[in-house]
Amino acid sequence: MNVAEVGGLLRDALVVALKLGGPLLAVSLLVGLLISVVQAVTQINEATLAFVPKLLVLAGTVVLLGPFMLATLDGFARLLFARIVAIGGS
């Protein structure tokens, strides 16, 4: 295994991390921004008002995107295990 292959695997790992974490972070950001605007307009400063909706929306996002996230992680894990076997066999 040379430096280019290791670099490719690291790049793939970063892409998988973005695929898994990106949608959750984006949804959390949008919900947080929306709740902050509502709190600024109504002048209600309650921490639980921001936490509970974010938690519910993130749970819904995980339910909707769970199969995609699992398939992405499964494909990457299979790729890594295949590479480990290939290195051990040579």
N, C-alpha and C. Protein backbone atom coordinates (compact mmCIF):
# COMPACT_ATOMS: atom_id res chain seq x y z
N MET A 1 0.86 -1.17 0.00
CA MET A 1 0.00 0.00 0.00
C MET A 1 0.90 1.23 0.00
N ASN A 2 0.72 2.06 -1.00
CA ASN A 2 1.59 3.24 -1.11
C ASN A 2 0.88 4.49 -0.58
N VAL A 3 1.59 5.59 -0.67
CA VAL A 3 1.09 6.85 -0.11
C VAL A 3 -0.17 7.31 -0.83
N ALA A 4 -0.26 7.10 -2.12
CA ALA A 4 -1.43 7.54 -2.89
C ALA A 4 -2.69 6.78 -2.47
N GLU A 5 -2.54 5.49 -2.19
CA GLU A 5 -3.70 4.70 -1.76
C GLU A 5 -4.16 5.12 -0.37
N VAL A 6 -3.21 5.40 0.52
CA VAL A 6 -3.57 5.87 1.86
C VAL A 6 -4.26 7.22 1.78
N GLY A 7 -3.74 8.10 0.94
CA GLY A 7 -4.38 9.40 0.75
C GLY A 7 -5.78 9.27 0.19
N GLY A 8 -5.97 8.34 -0.73
CA GLY A 8 -7.31 8.10 -1.27
C GLY A 8 -8.27 7.59 -0.22
N LEU A 9 -7.79 6.69 0.65
CA LEU A 9 -8.65 6.18 1.72
C LEU A 9 -9.00 7.27 2.73
N LEU A 10 -8.04 8.14 3.03
CA LEU A 10 -8.33 9.26 3.95
C LEU A 10 -9.33 10.23 3.33
N ARG A 11 -9.19 10.48 2.03
CA ARG A 11 -10.15 11.35 1.35
C ARG A 11 -11.54 10.72 1.38
N ASP A 12 -11.62 9.41 1.13
CA ASP A 12 -12.90 8.72 1.17
C ASP A 12 -13.50 8.76 2.58
N ALA A 13 -12.65 8.65 3.59
CA ALA A 13 -13.14 8.72 4.97
C ALA A 13 -13.73 10.10 5.28
N LEU A 14 -13.09 11.15 4.79
CA LEU A 14 -13.62 12.50 5.00
C LEU A 14 -14.93 12.71 4.26
N VAL A 15 -15.04 12.15 3.06
CA VAL A 15 -16.29 12.26 2.30
C VAL A 15 -17.41 11.52 3.02
N VAL A 16 -17.11 10.36 3.57
CA VAL A 16 -18.12 9.61 4.32
C VAL A 16 -18.53 10.39 5.57
N ALA A 17 -17.58 10.99 6.26
CA ALA A 17 -17.90 11.79 7.44
C ALA A 17 -18.80 12.97 7.08
N LEU A 18 -18.55 13.60 5.94
CA LEU A 18 -19.40 14.70 5.49
C LEU A 18 -20.80 14.21 5.11
N LYS A 19 -20.86 13.04 4.46
CA LYS A 19 -22.16 12.49 4.10
C LYS A 19 -22.99 12.12 5.32
N LEU A 20 -22.33 11.65 6.38
CA LEU A 20 -23.05 11.25 7.57
C LEU A 20 -23.40 12.44 8.47
N GLY A 21 -22.48 13.35 8.63
CA GLY A 21 -22.70 14.45 9.56
C GLY A 21 -23.28 15.71 8.93
N GLY A 22 -23.05 15.90 7.65
CA GLY A 22 -23.48 17.12 6.98
C GLY A 22 -24.97 17.40 7.04
N PRO A 23 -25.81 16.43 6.66
CA PRO A 23 -27.25 16.69 6.72
C PRO A 23 -27.75 16.99 8.13
N LEU A 24 -27.22 16.28 9.12
CA LEU A 24 -27.65 16.53 10.50
C LEU A 24 -27.23 17.91 10.97
N LEU A 25 -26.01 18.31 10.62
CA LEU A 25 -25.56 19.64 11.01
C LEU A 25 -26.34 20.74 10.30
N ALA A 26 -26.64 20.53 9.02
CA ALA A 26 -27.40 21.54 8.26
C ALA A 26 -28.81 21.69 8.80
N VAL A 27 -29.46 20.59 9.09
CA VAL A 27 -30.83 20.66 9.64
C VAL A 27 -30.81 21.32 11.01
N SER A 28 -29.84 20.96 11.83
CA SER A 28 -29.74 21.57 13.15
C SER A 28 -29.49 23.07 13.05
N LEU A 29 -28.66 23.47 12.11
CA LEU A 29 -28.39 24.89 11.90
C LEU A 29 -29.65 25.64 11.47
N LEU A 30 -30.38 25.08 10.53
CA LEU A 30 -31.59 25.74 10.05
C LEU A 30 -32.65 25.85 11.15
N VAL A 31 -32.85 24.79 11.91
CA VAL A 31 -33.85 24.83 12.99
C VAL A 31 -33.41 25.81 14.06
N GLY A 32 -32.13 25.80 14.40
CA GLY A 32 -31.63 26.75 15.40
C GLY A 32 -31.79 28.19 14.95
N LEU A 33 -31.53 28.44 13.68
CA LEU A 33 -31.70 29.80 13.15
C LEU A 33 -33.16 30.23 13.19
N LEU A 34 -34.05 29.33 12.79
CA LEU A 34 -35.48 29.64 12.81
C LEU A 34 -35.97 29.91 14.22
N ILE A 35 -35.55 29.09 15.17
CA ILE A 35 -35.97 29.29 16.56
C ILE A 35 -35.38 30.57 17.13
N SER A 36 -34.15 30.90 16.76
CA SER A 36 -33.54 32.15 17.23
C SER A 36 -34.30 33.37 16.72
N VAL A 37 -34.75 33.29 15.47
CA VAL A 37 -35.54 34.41 14.93
C VAL A 37 -36.86 34.53 15.68
N VAL A 38 -37.51 33.42 15.93
CA VAL A 38 -38.77 33.44 16.68
C VAL A 38 -38.55 33.97 18.09
N GLN A 39 -37.47 33.56 18.74
CA GLN A 39 -37.18 34.06 20.09
C GLN A 39 -36.86 35.56 20.07
N ALA A 40 -36.18 36.02 19.04
CA ALA A 40 -35.85 37.45 18.96
C ALA A 40 -37.11 38.28 18.73
N VAL A 41 -38.03 37.75 17.90
CA VAL A 41 -39.25 38.50 17.61
C VAL A 41 -40.16 38.54 18.83
N THR A 42 -40.28 37.40 19.51
CA THR A 42 -41.20 37.33 20.66
C THR A 42 -40.53 37.70 21.97
N GLN A 43 -39.23 37.89 21.97
CA GLN A 43 -38.44 38.22 23.16
C GLN A 43 -38.60 37.18 24.26
N ILE A 44 -38.68 35.93 23.86
CA ILE A 44 -38.72 34.81 24.81
C ILE A 44 -37.34 34.19 24.82
N ASN A 45 -36.69 34.19 25.97
CA ASN A 45 -35.35 33.61 26.08
C ASN A 45 -35.43 32.39 26.98
N GLU A 46 -35.76 31.28 26.39
CA GLU A 46 -35.87 30.02 27.11
C GLU A 46 -35.00 29.00 26.41
N ALA A 47 -34.08 28.37 27.15
CA ALA A 47 -33.13 27.42 26.54
C ALA A 47 -33.83 26.18 26.03
N THR A 48 -34.85 25.71 26.75
CA THR A 48 -35.53 24.48 26.32
C THR A 48 -36.33 24.71 25.05
N LEU A 49 -36.71 25.96 24.80
CA LEU A 49 -37.44 26.26 23.57
C LEU A 49 -36.57 26.00 22.33
N ALA A 50 -35.27 26.12 22.47
CA ALA A 50 -34.38 25.85 21.36
C ALA A 50 -33.96 24.38 21.33
N PHE A 51 -33.87 23.74 22.48
CA PHE A 51 -33.35 22.39 22.55
C PHE A 51 -34.35 21.34 22.09
N VAL A 52 -35.56 21.41 22.55
CA VAL A 52 -36.55 20.36 22.26
C VAL A 52 -36.90 20.29 20.77
N PRO A 53 -37.19 21.38 20.09
CA PRO A 53 -37.46 21.26 18.65
C PRO A 53 -36.27 20.73 17.85
N LYS A 54 -35.07 21.16 18.22
CA LYS A 54 -33.88 20.64 17.53
C LYS A 54 -33.77 19.13 17.72
N LEU A 55 -34.01 18.67 18.93
CA LEU A 55 -33.95 17.25 19.22
C LEU A 55 -34.98 16.47 18.41
N LEU A 56 -36.19 16.99 18.33
CA LEU A 56 -37.24 16.31 17.57
C LEU A 56 -36.95 16.29 16.07
N VAL A 57 -36.48 17.41 15.55
CA VAL A 57 -36.17 17.48 14.12
C VAL A 57 -34.97 16.59 13.78
N LEU A 58 -33.97 16.56 14.65
CA LEU A 58 -32.83 15.68 14.40
C LEU A 58 -33.23 14.21 14.45
N ALA A 59 -34.12 13.86 15.37
CA ALA A 59 -34.60 12.48 15.43
C ALA A 59 -35.35 12.12 14.15
N GLY A 60 -36.17 13.03 13.65
CA GLY A 60 -36.87 12.80 12.40
C GLY A 60 -35.93 12.69 11.22
N THR A 61 -34.88 13.50 11.22
CA THR A 61 -33.90 13.45 10.15
C THR A 61 -33.15 12.12 10.15
N VAL A 62 -32.81 11.64 11.34
CA VAL A 62 -32.13 10.35 11.44
C VAL A 62 -33.05 9.23 10.96
N VAL A 63 -34.33 9.32 11.28
CA VAL A 63 -35.27 8.29 10.82
C VAL A 63 -35.38 8.32 9.29
N LEU A 64 -35.45 9.51 8.71
CA LEU A 64 -35.57 9.61 7.26
C LEU A 64 -34.28 9.25 6.52
N LEU A 65 -33.15 9.69 7.03
CA LEU A 65 -31.88 9.48 6.35
C LEU A 65 -31.10 8.29 6.88
N GLY A 66 -31.66 7.58 7.84
CA GLY A 66 -30.97 6.44 8.43
C GLY A 66 -30.55 5.38 7.43
N PRO A 67 -31.44 4.95 6.54
CA PRO A 67 -31.02 3.94 5.55
C PRO A 67 -29.87 4.40 4.65
N PHE A 68 -29.91 5.66 4.23
CA PHE A 68 -28.81 6.20 3.41
C PHE A 68 -27.51 6.23 4.21
N MET A 69 -27.59 6.67 5.45
CA MET A 69 -26.39 6.76 6.28
C MET A 69 -25.82 5.37 6.55
N LEU A 70 -26.69 4.41 6.82
CA LEU A 70 -26.24 3.05 7.08
C LEU A 70 -25.61 2.44 5.84
N ALA A 71 -26.21 2.67 4.68
CA ALA A 71 -25.65 2.13 3.43
C ALA A 71 -24.29 2.76 3.13
N THR A 72 -24.15 4.04 3.37
CA THR A 72 -22.87 4.72 3.15
C THR A 72 -21.79 4.16 4.06
N LEU A 73 -22.12 4.02 5.33
CA LEU A 73 -21.15 3.51 6.29
C LEU A 73 -20.83 2.05 6.01
N ASP A 74 -21.82 1.27 5.62
CA ASP A 74 -21.61 -0.14 5.31
C ASP A 74 -20.69 -0.29 4.09
N GLY A 75 -20.92 0.50 3.06
CA GLY A 75 -20.08 0.43 1.87
C GLY A 75 -18.63 0.79 2.18
N PHE A 76 -18.44 1.82 2.99
CA PHE A 76 -17.08 2.22 3.33
C PHE A 76 -16.39 1.18 4.19
N ALA A 77 -17.13 0.60 5.15
CA ALA A 77 -16.54 -0.44 6.01
C ALA A 77 -16.16 -1.66 5.18
N ARG A 78 -17.02 -2.04 4.23
CA ARG A 78 -16.70 -3.18 3.37
C ARG A 78 -15.45 -2.89 2.52
N LEU A 79 -15.34 -1.67 2.04
CA LEU A 79 -14.16 -1.28 1.27
C LEU A 79 -12.89 -1.39 2.13
N LEU A 80 -12.97 -0.89 3.36
CA LEU A 80 -11.80 -0.95 4.24
C LEU A 80 -11.43 -2.39 4.57
N PHE A 81 -12.43 -3.22 4.88
CA PHE A 81 -12.13 -4.62 5.21
C PHE A 81 -11.56 -5.36 4.00
N ALA A 82 -12.07 -5.06 2.81
CA ALA A 82 -11.51 -5.68 1.61
C ALA A 82 -10.06 -5.27 1.40
N ARG A 83 -9.75 -4.01 1.69
CA ARG A 83 -8.37 -3.54 1.55
C ARG A 83 -7.46 -4.20 2.59
N ILE A 84 -7.97 -4.40 3.80
CA ILE A 84 -7.19 -5.06 4.84
C ILE A 84 -6.88 -6.49 4.44
N VAL A 85 -7.89 -7.18 3.92
CA VAL A 85 -7.69 -8.56 3.47
C VAL A 85 -6.70 -8.61 2.32
N ALA A 86 -6.80 -7.66 1.40
CA ALA A 86 -5.87 -7.62 0.27
C ALA A 86 -4.44 -7.39 0.73
N ILE A 87 -4.26 -6.54 1.71
CA ILE A 87 -2.92 -6.27 2.22
C ILE A 87 -2.38 -7.50 2.94
N GLY A 88 -3.23 -8.15 3.72
CA GLY A 88 -2.79 -9.34 4.45
C GLY A 88 -2.51 -10.51 3.53
N GLY A 89 -3.18 -10.58 2.38
CA GLY A 89 -2.99 -11.70 1.46
C GLY A 89 -1.75 -11.56 0.61
N SER A 90 -1.21 -10.35 0.51
CA SER A 90 -0.06 -10.15 -0.38
C SER A 90 1.26 -10.34 0.31
